[in-house]
């Protein structure tokens, strides 16, 4: 039941104003001495109606931004419906979100304003009706906003956390198992947008003569009409969350094809295994470089077909910051220490030139000092000690080209670990690594 009193409804104000105007006109009509009062009354009523219609038609052209004749006609119809209290909702869509709705519960014809960074899909109570792009759209009686769509570039990411044996492989985790059963994780990210409808790079405001964003209404319909469901609770999955889910699934499928040592085996001059895995995910979801690797006639992957069915175009996929279980990390660190000690011992046994042996001794000077003092530095502390001595040793190389190359690599590694990159010793054992 409508709790609003009748005297506050729009139709009551319009009817009261007409009644007052009619009473004033009848009083003036009875007070006049006209020869043909009936004809004069009909002429006055006709002129009043034409004046009212003409004023409404002129005012409707400035209330909303209309251009075509059909839009002007619809604007006049909406204004007359507003005067009679029969108008529908006025809806505003900004940056892919519903910004404001006036008269949401009204069933009459309405208006939707969509900004240049958005698109929208309309519906009735029983079905979807159409997709609309930026600008002004007139809705039919009973037609409402089903979903607002952001047509700008979207970024979704999921950080990698140190895996534990009890962690399940959920969609909110990047946990994956290698072929030899080792759980690992990584930072995953994906950049995507609503499919612009072509294979060229998205316009995104690069042309001043055109709107900043391209709106493919067919892709907007697919993004809203198609429905995907998540695991377990079968919740409705928005189109903006689907690309990251596919990246996580693809990451797990790619990881289980490799052993852990294969993923960590880096050869100088070759792309790292993680980079190659990222390129593989890029081909699966974005089709990048597929012509060079699979040939121009290669069929699109299943992931590409799913994305196309939802009107989505993936622009890039990122994989980084590989995270290993703590126990595996400690084992690899201990093995590295043993290999280093064996290498240092073999160099000393072979009686290498004094300068070369002195270089190795300078490289591990700080580490040997702590080991001789009875300390047991952890893996992060060990890396900091060796890198600090390596930077100091690299600064003494006479060959300029070799010095520049080695110094750049060492300083980049130190910066990634948060170390000072010039002229300072690593933190002491009591303070820990920075």
Protein backbone atom coordinates (compact mmCIF):
# COMPACT_ATOMS: atom_id res chain seq x y z
CA UNK A 1 0.00 0.00 0.00
CA UNK A 2 1.28 3.45 -0.96
CA UNK A 3 1.80 5.49 2.23
CA UNK A 4 2.27 8.80 0.40
CA UNK A 5 -0.87 11.03 0.75
CA UNK A 6 -2.72 11.83 -2.44
CA UNK A 7 -2.19 15.58 -2.15
CA UNK A 8 1.58 15.07 -2.50
CA UNK A 9 1.34 13.11 -5.73
CA UNK A 10 2.34 14.88 -8.98
CA UNK A 11 -1.05 14.36 -10.63
CA UNK A 12 -2.83 16.12 -7.76
CA UNK A 13 -0.73 19.27 -8.19
CA UNK A 14 -1.36 19.29 -11.93
CA UNK A 15 -5.11 18.72 -11.48
CA UNK A 16 -5.40 21.39 -8.76
CA UNK A 17 -3.61 23.93 -10.93
CA UNK A 18 -5.91 23.22 -13.89
CA UNK A 19 -9.00 23.48 -11.66
CA UNK A 20 -7.90 26.84 -10.24
CA UNK A 21 -7.16 28.14 -13.71
CA UNK A 22 -10.54 26.94 -14.97
CA UNK A 23 -12.37 28.65 -12.09
CA UNK A 24 -10.56 31.92 -12.76
CA UNK A 25 -11.39 31.65 -16.44
CA UNK A 26 -15.10 30.94 -15.76
CA UNK A 27 -15.34 33.95 -13.47
CA UNK A 28 -13.79 36.18 -16.14
CA UNK A 29 -16.03 34.61 -18.77
CA UNK A 30 -19.24 35.29 -16.80
CA UNK A 31 -18.15 38.85 -16.11
CA UNK A 32 -17.57 39.64 -19.79
CA UNK A 33 -20.18 40.85 -22.35
CA UNK A 34 -19.31 38.74 -25.39
CA UNK A 35 -21.66 38.37 -28.36
CA UNK A 36 -20.90 34.66 -28.99
CA UNK A 37 -19.76 33.32 -25.62
CA UNK A 38 -19.86 29.61 -26.59
CA UNK A 39 -17.62 30.03 -29.62
CA UNK A 40 -15.25 32.23 -27.66
CA UNK A 41 -15.04 29.57 -24.94
CA UNK A 42 -14.11 26.85 -27.46
CA UNK A 43 -11.53 29.07 -29.12
CA UNK A 44 -9.96 29.95 -25.77
CA UNK A 45 -9.79 26.31 -24.72
CA UNK A 46 -8.19 25.37 -28.06
CA UNK A 47 -5.65 28.18 -27.84
CA UNK A 48 -4.84 27.27 -24.25
CA UNK A 49 -4.20 23.65 -25.21
CA UNK A 50 -1.99 24.62 -28.14
CA UNK A 51 -0.06 27.10 -26.03
CA UNK A 52 0.49 24.50 -23.32
CA UNK A 53 1.60 21.88 -25.83
CA UNK A 54 3.91 24.31 -27.61
CA UNK A 55 5.49 25.48 -24.35
CA UNK A 56 6.04 21.88 -23.24
CA UNK A 57 7.55 20.97 -26.61
CA UNK A 58 9.94 23.89 -26.47
CA UNK A 59 10.94 23.26 -22.84
CA UNK A 60 11.51 19.53 -23.46
CA UNK A 61 14.29 20.30 -25.95
CA UNK A 62 16.40 21.88 -23.20
CA UNK A 63 15.65 19.55 -20.29
CA UNK A 64 17.69 16.66 -21.74
CA UNK A 65 20.30 16.64 -24.56
CA UNK A 66 18.31 15.49 -27.61
CA UNK A 67 19.40 15.72 -31.27
CA UNK A 68 17.18 13.73 -33.61
CA UNK A 69 13.50 14.25 -34.33
CA UNK A 70 12.62 10.93 -32.72
CA UNK A 71 14.50 11.90 -29.55
CA UNK A 72 12.65 15.24 -29.45
CA UNK A 73 9.31 13.44 -29.73
CA UNK A 74 10.21 11.05 -26.93
CA UNK A 75 11.44 13.92 -24.75
CA UNK A 76 8.09 15.67 -25.17
CA UNK A 77 6.23 12.46 -24.32
CA UNK A 78 8.33 12.03 -21.13
CA UNK A 79 7.68 15.62 -20.10
CA UNK A 80 3.92 15.28 -20.58
CA UNK A 81 4.03 11.98 -18.65
CA UNK A 82 5.88 13.80 -15.87
CA UNK A 83 3.21 16.50 -15.78
CA UNK A 84 0.53 13.82 -15.48
CA UNK A 85 2.49 11.83 -12.89
CA UNK A 86 2.95 8.81 -15.20
CA UNK A 87 6.71 9.01 -15.78
CA UNK A 88 9.19 6.19 -15.07
CA UNK A 89 12.63 6.25 -13.41
CA UNK A 90 15.48 8.57 -14.34
CA UNK A 91 18.74 6.56 -14.12
CA UNK A 92 22.37 7.71 -14.17
CA UNK A 93 25.32 5.36 -14.92
CA UNK A 94 28.84 6.62 -14.19
CA UNK A 95 32.13 4.69 -14.51
CA UNK A 96 30.36 1.37 -14.84
CA UNK A 97 28.24 1.81 -11.70
CA UNK A 98 24.67 2.83 -11.00
CA UNK A 99 25.10 6.39 -9.72
CA UNK A 100 21.55 7.60 -9.05
CA UNK A 101 17.94 6.61 -9.71
CA UNK A 102 14.97 8.90 -9.31
CA UNK A 103 11.52 7.35 -9.23
CA UNK A 104 12.80 3.78 -9.16
CA UNK A 105 9.40 2.32 -8.24
CA UNK A 106 7.51 4.04 -11.06
CA UNK A 107 6.37 1.77 -13.93
CA UNK A 108 6.14 4.39 -16.67
CA UNK A 109 8.56 5.31 -19.47
CA UNK A 110 11.89 6.69 -18.26
CA UNK A 111 15.33 7.94 -19.24
CA UNK A 112 18.87 6.52 -18.78
CA UNK A 113 22.01 8.68 -18.89
CA UNK A 114 25.24 6.72 -19.54
CA UNK A 115 28.66 8.40 -19.29
CA UNK A 116 31.44 7.79 -21.92
CA UNK A 117 33.22 5.16 -19.77
CA UNK A 118 30.17 2.92 -19.37
CA UNK A 119 27.60 0.76 -21.08
CA UNK A 120 24.37 -0.73 -19.74
CA UNK A 121 21.95 -3.57 -20.34
CA UNK A 122 18.20 -3.10 -19.81
CA UNK A 123 15.58 -5.62 -18.79
CA UNK A 124 11.93 -6.05 -17.95
CA UNK A 125 10.55 -8.23 -15.17
CA UNK A 126 10.81 -11.33 -17.37
CA UNK A 127 13.67 -10.86 -19.87
CA UNK A 128 16.65 -8.82 -21.02
CA UNK A 129 15.73 -6.29 -23.68
CA UNK A 130 18.79 -4.49 -25.11
CA UNK A 131 22.22 -2.99 -24.51
CA UNK A 132 22.85 0.75 -24.66
CA UNK A 133 26.06 2.75 -24.98
CA UNK A 134 27.17 6.18 -23.78
CA UNK A 135 24.65 8.98 -24.10
CA UNK A 136 20.92 9.25 -23.62
CA UNK A 137 18.44 6.36 -23.91
CA UNK A 138 14.66 6.33 -23.49
CA UNK A 139 13.19 3.32 -21.72
CA UNK A 140 9.80 1.76 -22.35
CA UNK A 141 7.24 1.28 -19.55
CA UNK A 142 8.50 -1.41 -17.18
CA UNK A 143 12.04 -1.36 -18.60
CA UNK A 144 14.79 -1.13 -15.98
CA UNK A 145 18.59 -1.25 -15.68
CA UNK A 146 19.85 -4.85 -15.48
CA UNK A 147 23.60 -4.20 -15.21
CA UNK A 148 26.04 -1.32 -15.60
CA UNK A 149 29.32 -2.17 -17.36
CA UNK A 150 32.67 -0.39 -17.09
CA UNK A 151 34.26 -0.33 -20.58
CA UNK A 152 37.64 0.86 -19.33
CA UNK A 153 40.70 -1.32 -18.80
CA UNK A 154 40.30 -3.61 -15.79
CA UNK A 155 43.07 -5.05 -13.59
CA UNK A 156 42.66 -7.97 -11.18
CA UNK A 157 45.44 -9.58 -9.14
CA UNK A 158 45.91 -12.26 -6.51
CA UNK A 159 49.03 -12.28 -4.28
CA UNK A 160 50.92 -15.46 -3.67
CA UNK A 161 51.19 -16.66 -0.08
CA UNK A 162 53.63 -19.18 1.33
CA UNK A 163 51.94 -22.53 0.80
CA UNK A 164 51.25 -24.91 3.63
CA UNK A 165 50.31 -28.58 3.28
CA UNK A 166 46.89 -28.00 4.83
CA UNK A 167 45.94 -25.17 2.44
CA UNK A 168 43.21 -26.15 -0.05
CA UNK A 169 43.38 -25.15 -3.71
CA UNK A 170 40.62 -22.56 -3.67
CA UNK A 171 39.82 -19.95 -6.32
CA UNK A 172 41.05 -17.28 -3.90
CA UNK A 173 44.51 -18.89 -3.68
CA UNK A 174 47.32 -19.26 -6.20
CA UNK A 175 48.47 -22.54 -4.68
CA UNK A 176 49.55 -25.12 -7.29
CA UNK A 177 51.26 -28.50 -7.22
CA UNK A 178 54.25 -29.32 -9.37
CA UNK A 179 54.65 -32.66 -11.15
CA UNK A 180 56.72 -33.95 -8.23
CA UNK A 181 54.05 -32.90 -5.69
CA UNK A 182 55.61 -29.69 -4.29
CA UNK A 183 53.10 -26.92 -3.45
CA UNK A 184 54.13 -23.49 -4.74
CA UNK A 185 52.42 -20.13 -5.19
CA UNK A 186 52.99 -16.93 -7.16
CA UNK A 187 51.63 -13.42 -7.64
CA UNK A 188 49.13 -13.59 -10.52
CA UNK A 189 47.62 -10.65 -12.39
CA UNK A 190 45.48 -10.08 -15.47
CA UNK A 191 44.55 -6.96 -17.44
CA UNK A 192 41.37 -7.11 -19.53
CA UNK A 193 38.43 -5.10 -20.84
CA UNK A 194 35.12 -5.46 -22.62
CA UNK A 195 35.88 -6.76 -26.11
CA UNK A 196 35.97 -3.72 -28.46
CA UNK A 197 35.00 -5.90 -31.42
CA UNK A 198 38.29 -5.91 -33.35
CA UNK A 199 41.85 -7.24 -33.02
CA UNK A 200 43.59 -3.85 -33.07
CA UNK A 201 44.89 -2.24 -29.86
CA UNK A 202 42.09 -0.52 -27.88
CA UNK A 203 41.63 3.16 -28.65
CA UNK A 204 41.48 4.35 -25.01
CA UNK A 205 41.44 8.08 -25.75
CA UNK A 206 44.26 8.17 -28.30
CA UNK A 207 42.07 9.80 -30.98
CA UNK A 208 40.82 13.30 -30.07
CA UNK A 209 38.17 13.19 -32.82
CA UNK A 210 36.46 10.09 -31.38
CA UNK A 211 34.95 9.13 -28.01
CA UNK A 212 37.61 7.95 -25.53
CA UNK A 213 36.34 4.37 -25.28
CA UNK A 214 34.92 1.90 -27.75
CA UNK A 215 31.64 0.27 -26.77
CA UNK A 216 30.70 -3.03 -28.37
CA UNK A 217 27.03 -3.52 -27.53
CA UNK A 218 27.12 -7.17 -28.57
CA UNK A 219 29.96 -7.83 -26.11
CA UNK A 220 28.04 -5.94 -23.40
CA UNK A 221 25.06 -8.22 -23.98
CA UNK A 222 27.24 -11.34 -23.74
CA UNK A 223 28.87 -10.08 -20.55
CA UNK A 224 25.44 -9.73 -18.93
CA UNK A 225 23.45 -12.54 -20.56
CA UNK A 226 26.06 -15.26 -19.97
CA UNK A 227 26.34 -16.58 -16.46
CA UNK A 228 29.19 -18.53 -14.87
CA UNK A 229 29.18 -20.09 -11.45
CA UNK A 230 31.95 -20.39 -8.90
CA UNK A 231 32.90 -23.48 -6.98
CA UNK A 232 30.99 -24.80 -4.01
CA UNK A 233 28.23 -22.29 -3.39
CA UNK A 234 27.44 -21.80 -7.11
CA UNK A 235 27.36 -18.05 -6.68
CA UNK A 236 26.75 -15.93 -9.76
CA UNK A 237 30.18 -14.92 -11.08
CA UNK A 238 30.39 -11.38 -12.54
CA UNK A 239 32.16 -11.05 -15.87
CA UNK A 240 34.89 -8.95 -14.24
CA UNK A 241 35.97 -11.87 -12.01
CA UNK A 242 36.08 -14.53 -14.73
CA UNK A 243 39.53 -13.66 -16.25
CA UNK A 244 41.37 -14.01 -12.92
CA UNK A 245 39.65 -17.37 -12.28
CA UNK A 246 40.86 -18.58 -15.67
CA UNK A 247 44.40 -17.34 -14.94
CA UNK A 248 44.46 -19.28 -11.66
CA UNK A 249 43.18 -22.44 -13.37
CA UNK A 250 45.69 -22.08 -16.22
CA UNK A 251 48.53 -21.45 -13.76
CA UNK A 252 47.74 -24.69 -11.94
CA UNK A 253 47.53 -26.66 -15.16
CA UNK A 254 50.86 -25.32 -16.37
CA UNK A 255 52.65 -25.87 -13.05
CA UNK A 256 51.64 -29.51 -12.77
CA UNK A 257 53.47 -30.21 -16.06
CA UNK A 258 56.85 -29.25 -14.56
CA UNK A 259 59.05 -30.47 -11.76
CA UNK A 260 60.17 -27.93 -9.17
CA UNK A 261 63.79 -28.08 -10.32
CA UNK A 262 62.66 -27.32 -13.89
CA UNK A 263 60.88 -24.17 -12.70
CA UNK A 264 63.96 -22.99 -10.80
CA UNK A 265 66.59 -23.94 -13.38
CA UNK A 266 67.71 -20.63 -14.91
CA UNK A 267 70.27 -20.56 -17.72
CA UNK A 268 72.13 -17.39 -18.62
CA UNK A 269 70.77 -15.72 -21.77
CA UNK A 270 67.55 -17.78 -21.86
CA UNK A 271 64.10 -16.75 -20.61
CA UNK A 272 63.45 -18.04 -17.13
CA UNK A 273 61.01 -20.95 -16.70
CA UNK A 274 58.57 -18.59 -14.97
CA UNK A 275 58.74 -16.20 -17.94
CA UNK A 276 58.05 -19.09 -20.31
CA UNK A 277 55.12 -20.14 -18.14
CA UNK A 278 53.78 -16.58 -18.25
CA UNK A 279 54.05 -16.56 -22.06
CA UNK A 280 52.10 -19.81 -22.16
CA UNK A 281 49.30 -18.31 -20.06
CA UNK A 282 49.34 -15.24 -22.31
CA UNK A 283 48.76 -17.42 -25.35
CA UNK A 284 45.99 -19.33 -23.63
CA UNK A 285 43.98 -16.29 -22.54
CA UNK A 286 45.00 -13.50 -24.92
CA UNK A 287 46.16 -15.37 -28.02
CA UNK A 288 49.42 -13.35 -28.00
CA UNK A 289 52.20 -14.73 -30.21
CA UNK A 290 50.00 -17.68 -31.24
CA UNK A 291 50.74 -17.12 -34.92
CA UNK A 292 54.47 -17.51 -34.31
CA UNK A 293 54.21 -20.61 -32.14
CA UNK A 294 51.15 -22.51 -33.29
CA UNK A 295 50.62 -21.18 -36.81
CA UNK A 296 47.93 -18.81 -38.09
CA UNK A 297 45.38 -21.62 -38.46
CA UNK A 298 45.63 -22.79 -34.84
CA UNK A 299 42.25 -23.18 -33.15
CA UNK A 300 41.56 -20.85 -30.22
CA UNK A 301 42.07 -22.33 -26.78
CA UNK A 302 39.18 -23.31 -24.54
CA UNK A 303 39.90 -20.31 -22.33
CA UNK A 304 39.70 -17.95 -25.31
CA UNK A 305 36.36 -19.46 -26.27
CA UNK A 306 35.01 -18.94 -22.75
CA UNK A 307 36.20 -15.32 -22.72
CA UNK A 308 34.68 -14.67 -26.16
CA UNK A 309 31.37 -16.11 -24.97
CA UNK A 310 31.36 -13.51 -22.16
CA UNK A 311 32.50 -10.62 -24.38
CA UNK A 312 35.90 -10.24 -22.67
CA UNK A 313 39.30 -9.48 -24.17
CA UNK A 314 42.41 -10.22 -22.09
CA UNK A 315 45.28 -7.81 -22.74
CA UNK A 316 48.07 -9.25 -20.59
CA UNK A 317 48.85 -11.85 -17.92
CA UNK A 318 51.60 -11.50 -15.30
CA UNK A 319 53.27 -14.15 -13.13
CA UNK A 320 55.90 -13.23 -10.55
CA UNK A 321 57.35 -13.67 -7.07
CA UNK A 322 57.49 -17.45 -6.91
CA UNK A 323 56.89 -18.58 -3.31
CA UNK A 324 58.10 -21.98 -2.04
CA UNK A 325 57.28 -23.84 1.18
CA UNK A 326 59.61 -22.86 4.00
CA UNK A 327 60.98 -26.38 4.36
CA UNK A 328 61.82 -26.59 0.64
CA UNK A 329 63.41 -23.16 0.76
CA UNK A 330 65.64 -24.17 3.66
CA UNK A 331 66.65 -27.40 1.91
CA UNK A 332 67.63 -25.57 -1.26
CA UNK A 333 69.57 -23.01 0.74
CA UNK A 334 71.46 -25.71 2.61
CA UNK A 335 72.28 -27.50 -0.64
CA UNK A 336 73.55 -24.25 -2.10
CA UNK A 337 75.79 -23.72 0.93
CA UNK A 338 77.23 -27.21 0.57
CA UNK A 339 77.90 -26.69 -3.13
CA UNK A 340 79.57 -23.39 -2.39
CA UNK A 341 81.84 -24.91 0.26
CA UNK A 342 82.76 -27.74 -2.10
CA UNK A 343 83.55 -25.26 -4.88
CA UNK A 344 85.64 -23.09 -2.59
CA UNK A 345 87.54 -26.15 -1.32
CA UNK A 346 88.28 -27.41 -4.83
CA UNK A 347 89.63 -24.02 -5.86
CA UNK A 348 91.96 -23.97 -2.89
CA UNK A 349 93.08 -27.60 -3.53
CA UNK A 350 93.95 -26.90 -7.14
CA UNK A 351 96.29 -24.12 -6.02
CA UNK A 352 94.70 -21.46 -8.20
CA UNK A 353 96.58 -18.22 -8.74
CA UNK A 354 96.75 -16.10 -5.66
CA UNK A 355 94.70 -13.30 -7.19
CA UNK A 356 91.80 -15.61 -8.07
CA UNK A 357 91.85 -17.29 -4.67
CA UNK A 358 92.00 -13.89 -3.02
CA UNK A 359 88.94 -12.88 -5.04
CA UNK A 360 86.96 -15.87 -3.74
CA UNK A 361 88.08 -15.10 -0.23
CA UNK A 362 86.96 -11.49 -0.55
CA UNK A 363 83.59 -12.66 -1.95
CA UNK A 364 82.91 -14.71 1.20
CA UNK A 365 84.85 -12.68 3.71
CA UNK A 366 81.84 -11.53 5.76
CA UNK A 367 80.15 -14.93 5.65
CA UNK A 368 83.29 -16.77 6.78
CA UNK A 369 83.74 -14.27 9.61
CA UNK A 370 80.29 -15.04 10.99
CA UNK A 371 80.71 -18.81 10.52
CA UNK A 372 84.07 -18.70 12.31
CA UNK A 373 82.42 -16.77 15.13
CA UNK A 374 79.94 -19.61 15.62
CA UNK A 375 76.92 -17.83 14.14
CA UNK A 376 74.37 -19.62 11.93
CA UNK A 377 73.05 -16.98 9.52
CA UNK A 378 69.70 -17.74 7.89
CA UNK A 379 69.21 -17.79 4.12
CA UNK A 380 68.32 -14.09 3.82
CA UNK A 381 71.27 -13.06 5.99
CA UNK A 382 73.62 -15.27 3.92
CA UNK A 383 72.47 -13.71 0.66
CA UNK A 384 72.95 -10.22 2.05
CA UNK A 385 76.48 -11.00 3.21
CA UNK A 386 77.62 -12.49 -0.10
CA UNK A 387 75.96 -9.80 -2.23
CA UNK A 388 77.51 -7.02 -0.17
CA UNK A 389 81.01 -8.52 -0.69
CA UNK A 390 80.24 -9.19 -4.38
CA UNK A 391 79.30 -5.56 -4.96
CA UNK A 392 82.52 -4.44 -3.30
CA UNK A 393 84.52 -6.93 -5.40
CA UNK A 394 82.76 -5.93 -8.63
CA UNK A 395 83.70 -2.30 -8.13
CA UNK A 396 87.40 -3.31 -8.44
CA UNK A 397 87.19 -4.93 -11.90
CA UNK A 398 89.46 -3.13 -14.38
CA UNK A 399 87.62 -4.03 -17.61
CA UNK A 400 84.97 -1.26 -18.04
CA UNK A 401 82.48 -3.37 -20.05
CA UNK A 402 82.69 -6.33 -17.69
CA UNK A 403 82.59 -4.04 -14.68
CA UNK A 404 79.43 -2.32 -15.95
CA UNK A 405 77.62 -5.59 -16.70
CA UNK A 406 78.49 -7.31 -13.42
CA UNK A 407 77.85 -4.21 -11.31
CA UNK A 408 74.39 -3.71 -12.88
CA UNK A 409 73.38 -7.33 -12.22
CA UNK A 410 74.61 -7.26 -8.64
CA UNK A 411 72.97 -3.94 -7.81
CA UNK A 412 69.65 -5.04 -9.35
CA UNK A 413 69.72 -8.18 -7.22
CA UNK A 414 70.58 -6.17 -4.12
CA UNK A 415 67.80 -3.68 -4.79
CA UNK A 416 65.28 -6.51 -5.16
CA UNK A 417 66.32 -7.79 -1.72
CA UNK A 418 66.11 -4.32 -0.17
CA UNK A 419 69.89 -4.04 0.36
CA UNK A 420 72.01 -0.89 0.13
CA UNK A 421 73.62 -0.80 -3.31
CA UNK A 422 76.84 1.04 -2.70
CA UNK A 423 79.60 1.28 -0.16
CA UNK A 424 77.92 0.02 3.02
CA UNK A 425 78.18 -3.19 4.95
CA UNK A 426 75.18 -5.44 5.53
CA UNK A 427 73.40 -5.23 8.87
CA UNK A 428 74.93 -6.98 11.83
CA UNK A 429 73.84 -10.37 13.09
CA UNK A 430 71.90 -8.86 15.97
CA UNK A 431 69.79 -6.58 13.76
CA UNK A 432 68.87 -9.03 11.01
CA UNK A 433 68.46 -8.35 7.31
CA UNK A 434 66.63 -5.18 6.26
